[in-house]
């Protein structure tokens, strides 16, 4: 799936947020650097002298302070104990500043290619209203893929470095935290307090429940979506935790059952006690000449899309008249769907179907 290019202003705003987060993380280092370069040069002007005995200028004192960071003095302070003490203290302080400031900053800047925990934490600090997806398996990857296609900021969490879609997510530059989700520091690293929602999509029901409880403890208003394998837990979790609990088996059951009955059904789901189906109709018998509104009023079928030749229109107008050869994607309750199939002369489903799957192929796991 291709994602829309990020607008320049939005990218600039994201970079400024990242710079602010880094500045906050390095505030002690920046403060010490400011104190050193603002305080040391005036002292050197006061206590030291140049090799010819002349007064020390501001530029020369600043240069001396800079080179002292690397242990290379340029002023003569041998006749003053204060200057000697400064010459002895600044080099070790400078080493600490260089290591913590330059080296660590550079590491954080390039650590995004490794999904380093500290880099993920800095990135998360720049986000607000983002979505956390726990579990980078097949379900988790599809959730991340769908959310990103909608322009949402996402942080993924996966326990195993060798997970099936870890390499794919990194190639797509998704912030990916490799950590045990039950670790006390895991959710705080994702800035869960500022997140709008968390999706618990691991393959362990107990782990998903633990994640949901921890997320609510850090952020009481966060929206929680839980994937569960135990159907008995779904209703209990919804009522007790006020979370959106989904069972993989209950979601898949209608689609699999109706696919076995009729290969023309491309999707099915339940809304309360109603079994809804989505199918594609080719306008050959009965449908040509009718309007979209007439199909809805007579059969209770909603037109999701109309394809005519190479042109496809989503949610066609009600007064649009159907022509021979049009392809209509319709949604209806299962009994209404069967009545509509009977009206078009296709009451019995075909023995086989050569329709391609509507779902995109998943990227293959990288090897080596």
Protein backbone atom coordinates (compact mmCIF):
# COMPACT_ATOMS: atom_id res chain seq x y z
CA UNK A 1 0.00 0.00 0.00
CA UNK A 2 1.31 3.43 -0.92
CA UNK A 3 0.89 6.25 1.52
CA UNK A 4 0.31 9.88 0.64
CA UNK A 5 3.38 12.09 0.84
CA UNK A 6 3.67 14.01 4.09
CA UNK A 7 3.03 17.75 3.50
CA UNK A 8 6.16 19.91 4.02
CA UNK A 9 4.58 21.96 6.82
CA UNK A 10 3.51 18.85 8.66
CA UNK A 11 6.99 17.35 8.27
CA UNK A 12 8.56 20.61 9.53
CA UNK A 13 6.22 20.63 12.54
CA UNK A 14 7.16 17.02 13.32
CA UNK A 15 10.89 17.87 13.11
CA UNK A 16 10.41 20.84 15.44
CA UNK A 17 8.55 18.63 17.93
CA UNK A 18 11.38 16.11 17.75
CA UNK A 19 13.96 18.87 18.32
CA UNK A 20 11.99 20.10 21.32
CA UNK A 21 11.83 16.58 22.77
CA UNK A 22 15.57 16.13 22.29
CA UNK A 23 16.24 19.52 23.89
CA UNK A 24 14.15 18.49 26.88
CA UNK A 25 16.06 15.22 27.20
CA UNK A 26 19.44 17.02 26.95
CA UNK A 27 18.46 20.04 29.06
CA UNK A 28 21.10 19.30 31.74
CA UNK A 29 23.82 18.99 29.11
CA UNK A 30 22.69 22.19 27.42
CA UNK A 31 22.59 24.04 30.73
CA UNK A 32 26.13 22.95 31.65
CA UNK A 33 27.37 23.92 28.20
CA UNK A 34 25.80 27.38 28.53
CA UNK A 35 27.31 27.88 31.98
CA UNK A 36 30.73 26.77 30.73
CA UNK A 37 30.87 28.99 27.64
CA UNK A 38 29.25 32.02 29.31
CA UNK A 39 31.08 31.80 32.63
CA UNK A 40 34.57 30.50 31.85
CA UNK A 41 35.75 33.09 29.23
CA UNK A 42 35.30 36.13 31.55
CA UNK A 43 37.24 34.31 34.26
CA UNK A 44 40.08 33.56 31.86
CA UNK A 45 40.11 37.24 30.81
CA UNK A 46 40.45 38.21 34.43
CA UNK A 47 43.00 35.60 35.65
CA UNK A 48 45.13 34.67 32.61
CA UNK A 49 47.25 36.30 29.94
CA UNK A 50 48.46 35.57 26.44
CA UNK A 51 52.07 34.29 25.94
CA UNK A 52 53.38 37.88 25.46
CA UNK A 53 51.83 39.18 28.68
CA UNK A 54 49.10 41.14 26.92
CA UNK A 55 45.49 41.27 28.18
CA UNK A 56 43.24 38.44 27.05
CA UNK A 57 40.52 39.38 24.58
CA UNK A 58 36.99 37.92 24.68
CA UNK A 59 37.53 35.94 21.50
CA UNK A 60 40.81 34.48 22.74
CA UNK A 61 39.22 33.49 26.06
CA UNK A 62 36.33 31.79 24.24
CA UNK A 63 38.79 29.96 21.97
CA UNK A 64 40.81 28.84 25.00
CA UNK A 65 37.64 27.46 26.65
CA UNK A 66 36.73 25.54 23.51
CA UNK A 67 40.15 23.95 23.06
CA UNK A 68 40.30 23.07 26.77
CA UNK A 69 37.39 20.72 26.12
CA UNK A 70 39.89 18.62 24.18
CA UNK A 71 42.80 19.18 26.60
CA UNK A 72 44.65 21.76 24.46
CA UNK A 73 45.08 25.09 26.38
CA UNK A 74 46.12 28.25 24.52
CA UNK A 75 46.49 30.74 27.40
CA UNK A 76 49.15 31.06 30.11
CA UNK A 77 47.53 30.77 33.55
CA UNK A 78 50.62 29.49 35.39
CA UNK A 79 50.79 32.49 37.76
CA UNK A 80 47.22 32.18 39.01
CA UNK A 81 45.78 29.29 40.99
CA UNK A 82 42.26 30.11 39.86
CA UNK A 83 43.22 29.84 36.21
CA UNK A 84 45.18 26.64 36.86
CA UNK A 85 42.15 25.13 38.62
CA UNK A 86 39.90 26.02 35.70
CA UNK A 87 42.38 24.49 33.26
CA UNK A 88 42.28 21.28 35.29
CA UNK A 89 38.49 21.10 35.72
CA UNK A 90 37.29 21.98 32.23
CA UNK A 91 38.86 19.02 30.29
CA UNK A 92 37.03 16.26 32.25
CA UNK A 93 33.84 18.30 32.18
CA UNK A 94 34.34 18.77 28.45
CA UNK A 95 34.76 15.03 27.91
CA UNK A 96 31.48 14.42 29.73
CA UNK A 97 29.73 17.07 27.64
CA UNK A 98 31.11 15.70 24.38
CA UNK A 99 30.21 12.10 25.24
CA UNK A 100 26.74 12.85 26.61
CA UNK A 101 25.94 15.66 24.21
CA UNK A 102 27.51 14.98 20.85
CA UNK A 103 27.97 11.20 20.88
CA UNK A 104 24.67 10.36 22.57
CA UNK A 105 22.77 12.88 20.47
CA UNK A 106 24.25 11.45 17.28
CA UNK A 107 23.39 7.94 18.44
CA UNK A 108 19.78 8.93 19.07
CA UNK A 109 19.64 10.64 15.69
CA UNK A 110 20.74 7.50 13.84
CA UNK A 111 19.18 4.94 16.22
CA UNK A 112 15.86 5.15 14.38
CA UNK A 113 17.21 2.57 11.95
CA UNK A 114 17.56 0.17 14.90
CA UNK A 115 14.32 1.13 16.70
CA UNK A 116 16.34 1.82 19.82
CA UNK A 117 14.20 2.07 22.98
CA UNK A 118 15.43 5.55 23.86
CA UNK A 119 14.83 6.79 20.33
CA UNK A 120 11.30 5.36 20.41
CA UNK A 121 10.75 7.15 23.71
CA UNK A 122 11.89 10.47 22.21
CA UNK A 123 9.67 9.98 19.16
CA UNK A 124 6.69 9.11 21.37
CA UNK A 125 7.19 12.33 23.34
CA UNK A 126 6.56 14.28 20.12
CA UNK A 127 3.20 12.56 19.55
CA UNK A 128 -0.23 13.41 20.91
CA UNK A 129 -3.42 11.54 20.11
CA UNK A 130 -1.47 8.67 18.53
CA UNK A 131 -2.48 5.00 18.55
CA UNK A 132 -0.47 2.20 20.15
CA UNK A 133 -0.70 -1.25 18.55
CA UNK A 134 0.57 -4.08 20.76
CA UNK A 135 1.54 -7.17 18.79
CA UNK A 136 3.12 -7.04 15.33
CA UNK A 137 1.76 -10.30 13.98
CA UNK A 138 -0.64 -10.66 11.06
CA UNK A 139 -3.51 -8.90 12.83
CA UNK A 140 -1.29 -6.21 14.34
CA UNK A 141 0.39 -5.50 11.01
CA UNK A 142 -2.99 -5.14 9.26
CA UNK A 143 -4.17 -2.74 11.96
CA UNK A 144 -1.01 -0.61 11.64
CA UNK A 145 -1.29 -0.68 7.86
CA UNK A 146 -4.93 0.44 7.95
CA UNK A 147 -4.34 3.21 10.48
CA UNK A 148 -1.36 4.61 8.56
CA UNK A 149 -3.33 4.59 5.33
CA UNK A 150 -5.82 6.83 7.16
CA UNK A 151 -3.05 9.26 8.14
CA UNK A 152 -2.85 8.30 11.83
CA UNK A 153 0.34 8.32 13.89
CA UNK A 154 1.09 4.82 15.16
CA UNK A 155 3.60 3.20 17.51
CA UNK A 156 3.89 -0.58 17.33
CA UNK A 157 5.11 -2.82 20.15
CA UNK A 158 6.44 -6.35 19.57
CA UNK A 159 8.06 -8.72 22.02
CA UNK A 160 10.22 -10.70 19.60
CA UNK A 161 13.01 -9.24 17.51
CA UNK A 162 12.48 -12.03 14.95
CA UNK A 163 8.74 -11.36 14.61
CA UNK A 164 7.22 -12.03 11.20
CA UNK A 165 6.57 -8.37 10.33
CA UNK A 166 9.29 -6.60 12.29
CA UNK A 167 11.44 -6.08 9.19
CA UNK A 168 8.46 -4.89 7.15
CA UNK A 169 7.42 -2.31 9.74
CA UNK A 170 10.97 -0.99 9.99
CA UNK A 171 11.22 -0.72 6.21
CA UNK A 172 8.02 1.32 6.28
CA UNK A 173 9.58 3.54 9.01
CA UNK A 174 6.94 2.73 11.61
CA UNK A 175 8.20 3.45 15.16
CA UNK A 176 8.59 -0.08 16.53
CA UNK A 177 9.43 -0.81 20.16
CA UNK A 178 10.94 -4.25 20.79
CA UNK A 179 10.06 -4.89 24.42
CA UNK A 180 8.02 -7.15 26.68
CA UNK A 181 4.64 -5.45 26.88
CA UNK A 182 4.34 -6.57 30.50
CA UNK A 183 7.49 -4.68 31.45
CA UNK A 184 6.73 -1.72 33.77
CA UNK A 185 8.61 0.66 31.45
CA UNK A 186 7.12 -0.52 28.17
CA UNK A 187 3.89 1.50 27.97
CA UNK A 188 5.47 4.69 29.42
CA UNK A 189 8.02 4.55 26.57
CA UNK A 190 5.11 4.82 24.09
CA UNK A 191 3.79 7.99 25.78
CA UNK A 192 0.56 6.20 26.62
CA UNK A 193 -0.63 9.18 28.70
CA UNK A 194 -1.03 11.23 25.51
CA UNK A 195 -2.33 8.40 23.27
CA UNK A 196 -5.92 8.39 22.06
CA UNK A 197 -6.28 4.60 21.72
CA UNK A 198 -4.49 1.31 22.26
CA UNK A 199 -5.08 -1.89 20.29
CA UNK A 200 -4.20 -5.08 22.18
CA UNK A 201 -3.61 -7.54 19.33
CA UNK A 202 -1.20 -10.12 20.73
CA UNK A 203 -2.02 -13.84 20.53
CA UNK A 204 -2.36 -14.13 24.32
CA UNK A 205 -5.71 -13.23 25.96
CA UNK A 206 -4.15 -12.72 29.39
CA UNK A 207 -1.45 -10.45 27.98
CA UNK A 208 -4.08 -8.39 26.15
CA UNK A 209 -6.09 -7.96 29.35
CA UNK A 210 -2.97 -6.93 31.26
CA UNK A 211 -2.13 -4.37 28.59
CA UNK A 212 -5.66 -2.94 28.76
CA UNK A 213 -5.54 -2.61 32.55
CA UNK A 214 -2.10 -0.97 32.51
CA UNK A 215 -3.14 1.44 29.76
CA UNK A 216 -6.23 2.51 31.70
CA UNK A 217 -4.09 2.98 34.83
CA UNK A 218 -1.79 5.40 32.98
CA UNK A 219 -4.54 7.04 30.92
CA UNK A 220 -8.12 6.61 32.24
CA UNK A 221 -9.68 8.15 29.11
CA UNK A 222 -7.80 6.07 26.52
CA UNK A 223 -9.92 4.01 24.12
CA UNK A 224 -9.08 0.31 24.46
CA UNK A 225 -9.62 -2.31 21.77
CA UNK A 226 -8.87 -5.90 22.78
CA UNK A 227 -8.48 -8.97 20.60
CA UNK A 228 -9.69 -12.10 22.41
CA UNK A 229 -9.81 -15.75 21.45
CA UNK A 230 -12.19 -16.77 24.25
CA UNK A 231 -15.73 -15.82 23.15
CA UNK A 232 -16.99 -16.04 26.74
CA UNK A 233 -14.68 -13.20 27.76
CA UNK A 234 -15.87 -10.75 25.12
CA UNK A 235 -19.15 -9.68 26.73
CA UNK A 236 -17.61 -9.71 30.22
CA UNK A 237 -14.73 -7.47 29.15
CA UNK A 238 -17.07 -5.05 27.40
CA UNK A 239 -19.28 -4.71 30.47
CA UNK A 240 -16.56 -4.72 33.13
CA UNK A 241 -13.77 -2.69 31.51
CA UNK A 242 -15.91 -0.60 29.13
CA UNK A 243 -13.55 -1.60 26.34
CA UNK A 244 -14.16 -2.72 22.77
CA UNK A 245 -13.50 -6.47 22.84
CA UNK A 246 -13.45 -8.40 19.56
CA UNK A 247 -13.27 -12.14 19.07
CA UNK A 248 -11.38 -13.29 16.00
CA UNK A 249 -13.51 -16.41 15.71
CA UNK A 250 -16.84 -14.55 15.97
CA UNK A 251 -15.71 -12.02 13.36
CA UNK A 252 -14.53 -14.72 10.96
CA UNK A 253 -17.41 -17.15 11.46
CA UNK A 254 -20.08 -15.31 9.36
CA UNK A 255 -17.65 -14.69 6.51
CA UNK A 256 -16.47 -18.31 6.41
CA UNK A 257 -19.96 -19.77 6.73
CA UNK A 258 -21.48 -17.64 3.98
CA UNK A 259 -18.45 -18.07 1.74
CA UNK A 260 -19.12 -21.81 1.93
CA UNK A 261 -22.74 -21.21 0.88
CA UNK A 262 -22.25 -18.57 -1.79
CA UNK A 263 -18.87 -17.58 -3.29
CA UNK A 264 -20.44 -14.38 -4.66
CA UNK A 265 -20.50 -12.90 -1.13
CA UNK A 266 -17.30 -10.90 -0.64
CA UNK A 267 -17.90 -9.88 2.97
CA UNK A 268 -20.33 -10.54 5.81
CA UNK A 269 -20.77 -9.32 9.36
CA UNK A 270 -23.36 -9.01 12.11
CA UNK A 271 -25.04 -5.86 13.37
CA UNK A 272 -26.92 -6.89 16.46
CA UNK A 273 -29.12 -9.77 15.36
CA UNK A 274 -28.88 -8.91 11.65
CA UNK A 275 -26.58 -10.82 9.31
CA UNK A 276 -25.35 -8.37 6.67
CA UNK A 277 -23.62 -9.33 3.43
CA UNK A 278 -21.76 -7.44 0.72
CA UNK A 279 -21.75 -8.77 -2.84
CA UNK A 280 -21.11 -7.65 -6.41
CA UNK A 281 -23.99 -7.79 -8.90
CA UNK A 282 -23.56 -7.62 -12.67
CA UNK A 283 -26.55 -5.87 -14.20
CA UNK A 284 -27.89 -8.34 -16.75
CA UNK A 285 -31.46 -9.37 -15.90
CA UNK A 286 -33.89 -7.32 -13.83
CA UNK A 287 -31.52 -4.61 -12.66
CA UNK A 288 -31.02 -2.64 -15.94
CA UNK A 289 -33.48 0.25 -16.05
CA UNK A 290 -33.93 0.52 -12.28
CA UNK A 291 -32.54 3.41 -10.27
CA UNK A 292 -30.32 3.03 -7.22
CA UNK A 293 -33.19 4.26 -5.02
CA UNK A 294 -35.58 1.68 -6.45
CA UNK A 295 -33.16 -1.15 -5.65
CA UNK A 296 -32.89 0.15 -2.09
CA UNK A 297 -36.64 0.58 -1.61
CA UNK A 298 -37.63 -2.78 -3.15
CA UNK A 299 -34.86 -4.98 -1.74
CA UNK A 300 -33.31 -3.02 1.13
CA UNK A 301 -29.93 -3.07 -0.62
CA UNK A 302 -27.56 -0.14 -0.22
CA UNK A 303 -25.33 0.66 -3.20
CA UNK A 304 -21.73 1.02 -2.02
CA UNK A 305 -20.18 1.42 -5.47
CA UNK A 306 -21.09 1.42 -9.15
CA UNK A 307 -18.54 0.53 -11.82
CA UNK A 308 -19.29 1.42 -15.43
CA UNK A 309 -16.48 0.53 -17.78
CA UNK A 310 -13.24 1.82 -16.31
CA UNK A 311 -14.98 4.36 -14.06
CA UNK A 312 -16.04 3.52 -10.52
CA UNK A 313 -18.14 5.77 -8.30
CA UNK A 314 -18.60 5.25 -4.58
CA UNK A 315 -22.07 5.83 -3.11
CA UNK A 316 -23.84 6.59 -6.40
CA UNK A 317 -26.79 9.00 -6.34
CA UNK A 318 -30.24 7.55 -5.81
CA UNK A 319 -31.49 8.79 -9.18
CA UNK A 320 -28.62 7.05 -11.03
CA UNK A 321 -30.18 4.60 -13.50
CA UNK A 322 -28.53 1.21 -13.85
CA UNK A 323 -27.35 0.19 -17.31
CA UNK A 324 -26.68 -3.26 -18.75
CA UNK A 325 -23.19 -4.44 -17.81
CA UNK A 326 -22.80 -2.21 -14.74
CA UNK A 327 -21.16 -3.76 -11.70
CA UNK A 328 -22.91 -2.90 -8.44
CA UNK A 329 -21.45 -3.53 -5.00
CA UNK A 330 -24.49 -3.88 -2.73
CA UNK A 331 -24.93 -4.36 1.01
CA UNK A 332 -28.07 -6.00 2.33
CA UNK A 333 -29.42 -8.28 5.02
CA UNK A 334 -28.95 -11.92 4.01
CA UNK A 335 -32.66 -12.69 3.31
CA UNK A 336 -32.94 -9.50 1.22
CA UNK A 337 -29.77 -10.47 -0.61
CA UNK A 338 -31.28 -13.83 -1.55
CA UNK A 339 -34.48 -12.14 -2.78
CA UNK A 340 -32.41 -9.80 -4.95
CA UNK A 341 -30.43 -12.74 -6.37
CA UNK A 342 -33.71 -14.45 -7.19
CA UNK A 343 -34.96 -11.30 -8.91
CA UNK A 344 -31.85 -11.22 -11.11
CA UNK A 345 -32.27 -14.91 -12.03
CA UNK A 346 -29.27 -16.05 -9.93
CA UNK A 347 -31.05 -17.70 -7.01
CA UNK A 348 -28.61 -20.64 -6.96
CA UNK A 349 -24.94 -19.82 -6.31
CA UNK A 350 -22.36 -20.99 -8.86
CA UNK A 351 -20.37 -24.12 -8.13
CA UNK A 352 -17.10 -22.19 -8.28
CA UNK A 353 -15.97 -18.58 -8.43
CA UNK A 354 -12.92 -17.05 -10.05
CA UNK A 355 -13.24 -13.75 -8.20
CA UNK A 356 -9.98 -12.59 -6.69
CA UNK A 357 -9.81 -12.01 -2.98
CA UNK A 358 -10.67 -8.50 -1.90
CA UNK A 359 -7.96 -8.57 0.73
CA UNK A 360 -4.42 -7.40 -0.15
CA UNK A 361 -1.55 -9.84 0.09
CA UNK A 362 0.57 -9.53 3.19
CA UNK A 363 4.27 -8.87 2.75
CA UNK A 364 6.33 -11.98 3.13
CA UNK A 365 8.61 -12.44 6.08
CA UNK A 366 12.19 -11.52 5.38
CA UNK A 367 14.78 -14.22 5.67
CA UNK A 368 18.46 -14.01 6.29
